[in-house]
Protein backbone atom coordinates (compact mmCIF):
# COMPACT_ATOMS: atom_id res chain seq x y z
CA MET A 1 -24.42 50.94 6.92
CA LYS A 2 -23.70 48.37 9.59
CA SER A 3 -26.08 45.90 8.02
CA ASN A 4 -24.51 46.59 4.63
CA LEU A 5 -21.07 45.92 6.07
CA VAL A 6 -22.29 42.63 7.53
CA MET A 7 -23.85 41.77 4.24
CA ASN A 8 -20.66 42.62 2.37
CA TRP A 9 -18.54 40.45 4.58
CA THR A 10 -20.95 37.54 4.35
CA LEU A 11 -21.56 37.99 0.67
CA PHE A 12 -20.08 34.69 -0.32
CA LEU A 13 -21.09 32.76 2.76
CA THR A 14 -22.45 30.10 0.49
CA ILE A 15 -20.24 30.48 -2.59
CA LEU A 16 -18.94 27.09 -3.52
CA PHE A 17 -20.77 25.40 -0.62
CA LEU A 18 -22.13 23.01 -3.16
CA SER A 19 -19.59 23.23 -5.96
CA PRO A 20 -16.31 21.32 -6.30
CA VAL A 21 -13.19 23.07 -7.54
CA TYR A 22 -12.03 20.45 -10.03
CA ALA A 23 -10.86 20.32 -13.59
CA LEU A 24 -10.36 16.57 -13.51
CA ASP A 25 -13.18 15.91 -11.05
CA ASP A 26 -15.25 12.80 -10.54
CA LYS A 27 -18.57 14.10 -11.84
CA ASN A 28 -20.51 11.05 -10.69
CA LEU A 29 -19.22 11.41 -7.13
CA ASN A 30 -19.79 15.16 -7.13
CA ASN A 31 -23.36 14.79 -8.39
CA LYS A 32 -24.02 12.05 -5.85
CA ILE A 33 -22.80 14.19 -2.94
CA ASP A 34 -24.70 17.25 -4.20
CA SER A 35 -27.91 15.25 -4.54
CA LEU A 36 -27.60 13.73 -1.07
CA ASN A 37 -26.82 17.09 0.52
CA ASP A 38 -29.69 18.82 -1.27
CA ILE A 39 -32.26 16.36 0.10
CA GLY A 40 -30.80 16.45 3.60
CA LYS A 41 -29.03 13.08 3.52
CA VAL A 42 -25.78 14.56 4.72
CA LYS A 43 -24.87 11.54 6.82
CA GLU A 44 -24.93 9.38 3.72
CA SER A 45 -22.59 11.88 2.05
CA ILE A 46 -20.08 11.72 4.88
CA ILE A 47 -20.23 7.91 5.07
CA LEU A 48 -19.62 7.65 1.32
CA LEU A 49 -16.72 10.11 1.39
CA GLU A 50 -15.24 8.50 4.51
CA LYS A 51 -15.15 5.14 2.74
CA ILE A 52 -13.15 6.72 -0.07
CA THR A 53 -10.69 8.59 2.18
CA SER A 54 -10.08 5.58 4.46
CA SER A 55 -9.61 3.01 1.69
CA ASN A 56 -6.07 1.90 0.83
CA ASN A 57 -7.22 1.22 -2.73
CA THR A 58 -8.18 4.85 -3.43
CA ASP A 59 -5.72 6.73 -5.62
CA GLN A 60 -4.25 10.01 -4.33
CA LEU A 61 -6.25 12.33 -6.60
CA LYS A 62 -9.61 10.74 -5.80
CA LYS A 63 -8.80 10.74 -2.09
CA SER A 64 -7.93 14.44 -2.25
CA TYR A 65 -11.15 15.09 -4.16
CA ALA A 66 -13.15 13.27 -1.47
CA TYR A 67 -11.53 15.37 1.26
CA ILE A 68 -12.45 18.56 -0.61
CA LEU A 69 -16.05 17.39 -1.00
CA LYS A 70 -16.10 16.74 2.75
CA ALA A 71 -14.78 20.26 3.30
CA ILE A 72 -17.53 21.65 1.07
CA THR A 73 -20.14 19.64 2.99
CA TYR A 74 -18.92 20.96 6.36
CA LYS A 75 -18.69 24.50 4.99
CA ARG A 76 -22.30 24.20 3.90
CA PHE A 77 -23.20 23.88 7.59
CA TYR A 78 -20.81 26.65 8.67
CA ASN A 79 -18.35 24.28 10.31
CA TYR A 80 -15.28 26.08 9.00
CA PRO A 81 -12.68 24.41 11.28
CA GLU A 82 -13.65 20.97 9.97
CA ALA A 83 -13.75 22.34 6.43
CA LEU A 84 -10.19 23.69 6.76
CA ASN A 85 -9.05 20.45 8.38
CA ASN A 86 -10.31 18.42 5.44
CA LEU A 87 -8.69 20.81 2.98
CA ASN A 88 -5.36 20.29 4.74
CA LEU A 89 -5.91 16.53 4.57
CA ALA A 90 -6.60 16.85 0.85
CA LEU A 91 -3.28 18.63 0.39
CA LYS A 92 -1.44 16.13 2.57
CA SER A 93 -2.86 13.09 0.75
CA SER A 94 -1.63 14.41 -2.61
CA LYS A 95 1.96 15.09 -1.48
CA GLY A 96 4.50 13.54 -3.79
CA SER A 97 1.94 12.87 -6.54
CA VAL A 98 1.91 14.32 -10.05
CA HIS A 99 -1.40 16.02 -9.17
CA TYR A 100 -0.04 17.99 -6.21
CA LEU A 101 -0.12 21.39 -7.98
CA GLU A 102 -3.68 20.73 -9.13
CA VAL A 103 -4.86 19.79 -5.63
CA GLU A 104 -2.94 22.70 -4.10
CA SER A 105 -4.70 25.09 -6.51
CA ARG A 106 -8.11 23.71 -5.61
CA VAL A 107 -7.36 23.89 -1.89
CA LYS A 108 -6.20 27.51 -2.27
CA LEU A 109 -9.49 28.51 -3.88
CA GLU A 110 -11.56 26.74 -1.24
CA LYS A 111 -9.57 28.37 1.55
CA LEU A 112 -9.96 31.73 -0.18
CA PHE A 113 -13.75 31.43 0.07
CA ILE A 114 -13.57 30.33 3.70
CA TYR A 115 -11.36 33.29 4.69
CA PHE A 116 -13.73 35.60 2.85
CA ASP A 117 -16.81 34.11 4.52
CA THR A 118 -15.23 34.26 7.99
CA LYS A 119 -14.02 37.87 7.53
CA GLN A 120 -10.33 36.96 7.87
CA LYS A 121 -9.18 39.92 5.78
CA HIS A 122 -5.45 39.46 6.13
CA LYS A 123 -5.51 35.77 5.23
CA PHE A 124 -7.98 36.44 2.42
CA GLU A 125 -5.93 39.24 0.88
CA ALA A 126 -2.65 37.31 1.20
CA LEU A 127 -4.14 34.22 -0.43
CA LEU A 128 -5.85 36.25 -3.16
CA LYS A 129 -2.44 37.68 -4.14
CA ASP A 130 -0.96 34.17 -4.13
CA ILE A 131 -3.50 32.81 -6.64
CA ASN A 132 -2.23 33.05 -10.22
CA SER A 133 -3.08 31.86 -13.71
CA ASP A 134 -1.37 28.51 -13.06
CA ASN A 135 -3.83 27.88 -10.23
CA LEU A 136 -6.88 29.00 -12.19
CA LYS A 137 -6.21 26.71 -15.14
CA PHE A 138 -7.07 23.72 -12.96
CA VAL A 139 -10.63 24.86 -12.12
CA LYS A 140 -13.86 24.44 -14.03
CA SER A 141 -15.56 27.46 -15.55
CA GLU A 142 -18.28 27.12 -12.89
CA THR A 143 -15.73 27.62 -10.14
CA ARG A 144 -14.07 30.38 -12.10
CA VAL A 145 -17.43 32.18 -11.95
CA PHE A 146 -17.31 32.27 -8.16
CA TYR A 147 -13.73 33.51 -8.22
CA GLU A 148 -14.77 36.30 -10.61
CA SER A 149 -17.67 37.06 -8.28
CA ILE A 150 -15.25 37.77 -5.47
CA LEU A 151 -13.40 40.18 -7.74
CA GLY A 152 -16.75 41.85 -8.40
CA HIS A 153 -17.45 42.08 -4.69
CA ILE A 154 -14.06 43.74 -4.13
CA GLU A 155 -15.06 46.38 -6.69
CA LEU A 156 -18.40 46.71 -4.88
CA GLU A 157 -16.62 47.47 -1.60
CA LYS A 158 -14.45 50.05 -3.37
CA GLY A 159 -17.59 51.78 -4.61
CA ASN A 160 -16.97 50.88 -8.27
CA LEU A 161 -20.60 49.85 -8.71
CA GLU A 162 -20.74 49.76 -12.52
CA LYS A 163 -17.55 47.71 -12.71
CA ALA A 164 -18.90 45.34 -10.04
CA GLU A 165 -22.17 45.00 -12.00
CA LYS A 166 -20.23 43.90 -15.09
CA TYR A 167 -18.51 41.17 -13.09
CA PHE A 168 -21.84 39.93 -11.71
CA ASP A 169 -23.65 40.05 -15.06
CA TYR A 170 -20.81 38.05 -16.61
CA CYS A 171 -21.09 35.50 -13.79
CA ILE A 172 -24.85 35.17 -14.33
CA ILE A 173 -24.35 34.48 -18.04
CA LEU A 174 -21.81 31.75 -17.29
CA LEU A 175 -23.86 30.16 -14.50
CA GLU A 176 -27.00 30.07 -16.64
CA LYS A 177 -24.96 28.00 -19.06
CA GLU A 178 -22.90 25.91 -16.62
CA ASN A 179 -24.97 25.40 -13.47
CA PRO A 180 -28.01 27.62 -12.83
CA ARG A 181 -28.63 26.04 -9.40
CA HIS A 182 -25.93 28.37 -8.01
CA LEU A 183 -27.46 31.57 -9.44
CA PRO A 184 -28.87 32.63 -6.01
CA THR A 185 -25.28 33.32 -4.87
CA ILE A 186 -25.00 36.01 -7.56
CA TYR A 187 -28.53 37.41 -7.29
CA LYS A 188 -27.93 37.83 -3.56
CA VAL A 189 -25.04 40.18 -4.37
CA LYS A 190 -27.06 42.01 -7.00
CA VAL A 191 -29.74 42.82 -4.40
CA ASN A 192 -27.08 44.62 -2.39
CA LEU A 193 -25.60 46.21 -5.52
CA TYR A 194 -28.93 47.63 -6.73
CA ASN A 195 -29.75 48.79 -3.22
CA LYS A 196 -26.52 50.82 -3.22
CA MET A 197 -27.41 52.14 -6.68
CA ASN A 198 -30.85 53.11 -5.30
CA LYS A 199 -32.54 50.89 -7.88
CA LYS A 200 -35.16 49.41 -5.55
CA ASP A 201 -37.20 47.65 -8.23
CA LEU A 202 -34.13 45.95 -9.66
CA ALA A 203 -33.06 44.95 -6.12
CA LEU A 204 -36.41 43.25 -5.43
CA GLY A 205 -36.34 41.76 -8.92
CA ALA A 206 -32.92 40.24 -8.20
CA PHE A 207 -34.33 38.77 -4.98
CA GLU A 208 -37.25 37.21 -6.87
CA LYS A 209 -34.92 35.66 -9.42
CA GLY A 210 -32.60 34.28 -6.74
CA MET A 211 -35.54 32.84 -4.80
CA TYR A 212 -36.92 31.34 -8.01
CA TYR A 213 -33.76 29.31 -8.60
CA ALA A 214 -33.48 28.34 -4.91
CA ASN A 215 -37.02 26.93 -5.07
CA LYS A 216 -36.58 25.42 -8.51
CA TYR A 217 -33.58 23.37 -7.42
CA ASN A 218 -34.91 22.99 -3.88
CA VAL A 219 -31.69 24.11 -2.19
CA ASP A 220 -32.67 25.01 1.39
CA LEU A 221 -29.44 26.85 2.06
CA TYR A 222 -30.02 29.19 -0.87
CA LYS A 223 -33.59 29.84 0.30
CA ILE A 224 -32.20 31.00 3.64
CA VAL A 225 -29.51 33.08 1.93
CA MET A 226 -32.04 34.90 -0.25
CA LEU A 227 -34.41 35.55 2.67
CA GLU A 228 -31.55 36.91 4.79
CA THR A 229 -30.56 39.14 1.87
CA LEU A 230 -34.11 40.48 1.73
CA LEU A 231 -34.06 40.99 5.50
CA TYR A 232 -30.92 43.17 5.28
CA TYR A 233 -32.48 45.05 2.36
CA TYR A 234 -35.56 45.96 4.42
CA ILE A 235 -33.44 46.98 7.41
CA ASP A 236 -31.26 49.23 5.22
CA ASN A 237 -34.40 50.90 3.91
CA ASN A 238 -35.97 51.23 7.39
CA ASP A 239 -38.87 48.94 6.39
CA TYR A 240 -39.02 47.22 9.77
CA LYS A 241 -42.47 45.77 9.25
CA ASN A 242 -41.39 43.72 6.24
CA ALA A 243 -38.08 43.06 7.97
CA TYR A 244 -39.98 41.50 10.89
CA PHE A 245 -42.04 39.18 8.69
CA THR A 246 -38.97 38.27 6.68
CA GLN A 247 -37.12 37.44 9.91
CA LEU A 248 -39.93 35.03 10.81
CA LYS A 249 -39.48 33.28 7.48
CA VAL A 250 -35.71 33.12 8.01
CA SER A 251 -36.19 31.60 11.47
CA LYS A 252 -38.63 29.05 10.10
CA GLU A 253 -36.26 28.01 7.32
CA ARG A 254 -33.32 27.88 9.69
CA LEU A 255 -35.24 25.59 12.05
CA LYS A 256 -35.74 23.21 9.15
CA TYR A 257 -32.16 23.54 8.04
CA ASN A 258 -30.71 23.34 11.57
CA ASP A 259 -27.14 23.66 10.40
CA ARG A 260 -25.53 23.55 13.86
CA GLU A 261 -27.24 20.31 14.83
CA VAL A 262 -26.40 18.75 11.47
CA SER A 263 -22.78 19.88 11.79
CA GLY A 264 -22.55 18.43 15.29
CA ASN A 265 -24.14 15.20 14.12
CA LEU A 266 -21.65 14.98 11.28
CA ILE A 267 -18.74 15.29 13.71
CA GLN A 268 -20.27 12.57 15.89
CA LEU A 269 -20.85 10.46 12.80
CA GLU A 270 -17.23 10.80 11.70
CA LYS A 271 -16.10 9.91 15.23
CA LYS A 272 -18.35 6.85 15.17
CA ILE A 273 -17.02 5.84 11.75
CA LEU A 274 -13.46 6.33 12.99
CA ASP A 275 -14.15 4.24 16.12
CA GLU A 276 -15.73 1.50 14.01
CA ARG A 277 -12.77 1.55 11.66
CA ILE A 278 -10.31 1.32 14.58
CA THR A 279 -12.31 -1.60 16.02
CA GLN A 280 -12.36 -3.30 12.62
CA GLU A 281 -8.62 -2.75 12.19
CA ARG A 282 -8.01 -4.22 15.64
CA LEU A 283 -10.08 -7.28 14.75
CA GLU A 284 -8.24 -7.61 11.45
CA ASN A 285 -4.89 -7.19 13.21
CA LYS A 286 -5.91 -9.80 15.79
CA ALA A 287 -6.95 -12.22 13.05
CA LEU A 288 -3.72 -11.47 11.19
CA LYS A 289 -1.78 -12.10 14.40
CA TYR A 290 -3.40 -15.54 14.79
CA ILE A 291 -2.73 -16.32 11.15
CA MET A 292 0.91 -15.31 11.53
CA ILE A 293 1.25 -17.41 14.70
CA SER A 294 -0.29 -20.40 12.88
CA ILE A 295 2.08 -19.90 9.96
CA ILE A 296 5.06 -19.67 12.34
CA ILE A 297 3.98 -22.88 14.12
CA LEU A 298 3.58 -24.66 10.79
CA LEU A 299 6.99 -23.41 9.68
CA LEU A 300 8.55 -24.58 12.94
CA LEU A 301 6.92 -28.02 12.55
CA LEU A 302 8.10 -28.17 8.96
CA LEU A 303 11.58 -27.13 10.08
CA PHE A 304 11.51 -29.83 12.78
CA PHE A 305 10.52 -32.57 10.32
CA LEU A 306 13.03 -31.32 7.78
CA SER A 307 15.79 -31.33 10.40
CA LYS A 308 14.80 -34.88 11.40
CA LYS A 309 14.82 -35.91 7.78
CA LEU A 310 18.18 -34.23 7.31
CA ILE A 311 19.60 -36.04 10.34
CA LEU A 312 18.39 -39.38 8.94
CA ILE A 313 19.83 -38.53 5.54
CA ASN A 314 23.15 -37.55 7.14
CA LYS A 315 23.13 -40.75 9.19
CA LYS A 316 22.46 -42.88 6.12
CA HIS A 317 25.11 -40.94 4.27
CA LYS A 318 27.62 -41.63 7.04
CA ILE A 319 26.71 -45.34 7.03
CA ILE A 320 27.05 -45.53 3.26
CA THR A 321 30.30 -43.58 3.43
CA TYR A 322 31.59 -45.90 6.16
CA GLU A 323 30.56 -48.99 4.19
CA ASN A 324 32.18 -47.59 1.06
CA GLU A 325 35.34 -46.87 3.00
CA GLU A 326 35.31 -50.40 4.46
CA LEU A 327 34.75 -51.84 1.01
CA LEU A 328 37.56 -49.71 -0.34
CA ILE A 329 39.85 -50.92 2.44
CA LYS A 330 38.95 -54.55 1.64
CA LEU A 331 39.50 -53.96 -2.05
CA ASN A 332 42.84 -52.36 -1.27
CA GLU A 333 43.73 -55.34 0.91
CA ILE A 334 42.74 -57.76 -1.84
CA ASN A 335 44.75 -55.78 -4.36
CA TYR A 336 47.65 -55.69 -1.93
CA ILE A 337 47.47 -59.46 -1.43
CA LYS A 338 47.22 -59.99 -5.16
CA GLU A 339 50.17 -57.71 -5.77
CA LYS A 340 52.11 -59.38 -2.95
CA LYS A 341 51.38 -62.81 -4.32
CA ALA A 342 52.33 -61.63 -7.76
CA ASN A 343 55.62 -60.33 -6.37
CA ASP A 344 56.10 -63.49 -4.32
CA TYR A 345 55.60 -65.72 -7.32
CA LYS A 346 57.64 -63.59 -9.68
CA ASP A 347 60.81 -65.49 -8.67
CA ALA A 348 59.03 -68.76 -7.77
CA ILE A 349 60.13 -72.16 -9.02
CA ASP A 350 57.61 -74.04 -11.06
CA LEU A 351 58.14 -77.77 -10.47
CA ASN A 352 55.96 -78.90 -13.36
CA PRO A 353 58.55 -78.46 -16.15
CA TYR A 354 61.21 -80.37 -14.20
CA ASN A 355 59.39 -83.66 -14.24
CA LEU A 356 60.13 -84.49 -10.57
CA SER A 357 58.96 -87.80 -9.26
CA TYR A 358 56.25 -88.10 -6.74
CA ARG A 359 58.81 -89.08 -4.07
CA GLN A 360 61.01 -86.07 -4.92
CA ILE A 361 58.03 -83.70 -4.65
CA GLU A 362 57.20 -85.14 -1.24
CA ILE A 363 60.77 -84.59 -0.08
CA VAL A 364 60.66 -80.95 -1.36
CA LYS A 365 57.49 -80.30 0.64
CA LEU A 366 58.92 -81.82 3.81
CA ILE A 367 62.13 -79.82 3.51
CA ARG A 368 60.06 -76.64 3.18
CA GLN A 369 58.44 -77.72 6.42
CA ASP A 370 61.92 -77.66 8.02
CA LYS A 371 62.11 -81.46 8.36
CA SER A 372 65.53 -83.01 8.75
CA ASN A 373 66.79 -85.91 6.61
CA LYS A 374 66.18 -88.25 9.50
CA GLU A 375 62.62 -86.99 9.95
CA ILE A 376 61.95 -87.30 6.23
CA SER A 377 63.27 -90.88 6.17
CA SER A 378 61.05 -91.74 9.09
CA ILE A 379 57.99 -90.14 7.51
CA LEU A 380 58.56 -91.70 4.08
CA PHE A 381 59.89 -94.99 5.47
CA ILE A 382 63.09 -94.73 3.55
CA SER A 383 66.72 -94.58 4.60
CA GLU A 384 68.63 -91.37 5.14
CA ASN A 385 70.96 -92.21 2.30
CA THR A 386 67.98 -92.52 0.00
CA VAL A 387 66.87 -89.14 1.17
CA LYS A 388 70.30 -87.69 0.48
CA TYR A 389 70.31 -89.27 -2.95
CA HIS A 390 66.97 -87.74 -3.83
CA LEU A 391 68.10 -84.36 -2.53
CA LYS A 392 71.16 -84.43 -4.72
CA LYS A 393 69.02 -85.19 -7.74
CA ILE A 394 66.56 -82.43 -6.80
CA PHE A 395 69.36 -79.85 -6.46
CA GLU A 396 70.70 -80.81 -9.86
CA ILE A 397 67.28 -80.73 -11.53
CA LEU A 398 66.27 -77.37 -9.96
CA ASN A 399 69.75 -75.94 -10.37
CA ILE A 400 70.09 -74.96 -6.71
CA SER A 401 72.93 -75.60 -4.34
CA SER A 402 71.44 -75.99 -0.86
CA ARG A 403 68.41 -76.75 1.26
CA SER A 404 68.10 -73.04 2.13
CA ASP A 405 67.46 -72.19 -1.56
CA LEU A 406 64.71 -74.75 -1.59
CA LYS A 407 63.14 -73.17 1.51
CA SER A 408 63.47 -69.52 0.45
CA LYS A 409 62.02 -69.81 -3.04
CA ASN A 410 58.35 -70.18 -3.73
CA ILE A 411 57.35 -73.45 -5.15
CA ILE A 412 54.45 -73.58 -7.57
């Protein structure tokens, strides 16, 4: 009974180890990861998935998908803490996106299988109740098979063997159509089911079928699972001789599979990738820092030359402004002089129409120079009386009454 209980609780130890829970999955990526994992190139799987999750160009849905594939890869090697960590990262990376409900549904199903495999009854039962039709509509029929298998296993634990058998037969039909490489996960359960039903031939027949598919698709994990199932079958039936030889086969297969070493290597690999990425980011940040410094220096130089140019332009502008102002002042002065002259000559006396003699004109000029009659007579070599005579004539001709009028008025 103890071995049966162990078997029951580890029934789906490998369910969905190799299958993604996606409706809108990247089939090429999924097939690539499956192929690499099946032939033991797990490091290549992690490197490929790490490139996707660490790239800034990866969209949210694909990044979440890559995290779930990483979780499946770690779960395949029984590293459940890392599997759960990657599932949480998948959920986190999809926050705020239109695909959040889809990713959340996929993460729920993956966690459901982990809690079942690790015998965390309370978490398993709580999450099972939380999964509804809205969650299931996002999964492929292949994944739905494994979910239905769990329901069958629950019936098996309750002792409802016929009802459990119907679940498992239905799952086999679907897997034969969708993905027969996962059939060992169902035949493993049927070995236990037929053993409980005391149908020994059918139990061994189920083992043979499960082993056939494990060998056909060369999935080492499923080979181990089927051999362990046979081991528990022999122990339950007190066939210790066959149990011993089967245990040897299990040990041999497990040495080849070496899940703990692979899991440890994967953690070291991820740490190495992370360290390399941090180093690369530091180098890129350093290069970016130098580029930014160079740009700042160039901008400062450009600003310096522009400021110099601006100073020269301002200086030239000031000179031009000053010259324009000086020119304007001169023009204003010229205009002022012109206007003044115009005003001065507005009341001026034009001598031309009066037909003055040359001698009379000379006398007018000398009077305007404040010369007395005596000085004029001396300059012109004439008598003072002659000067007086000419002045009298000039006053009459110009229609003025005194010497002061002759001095005050402009003469043209």
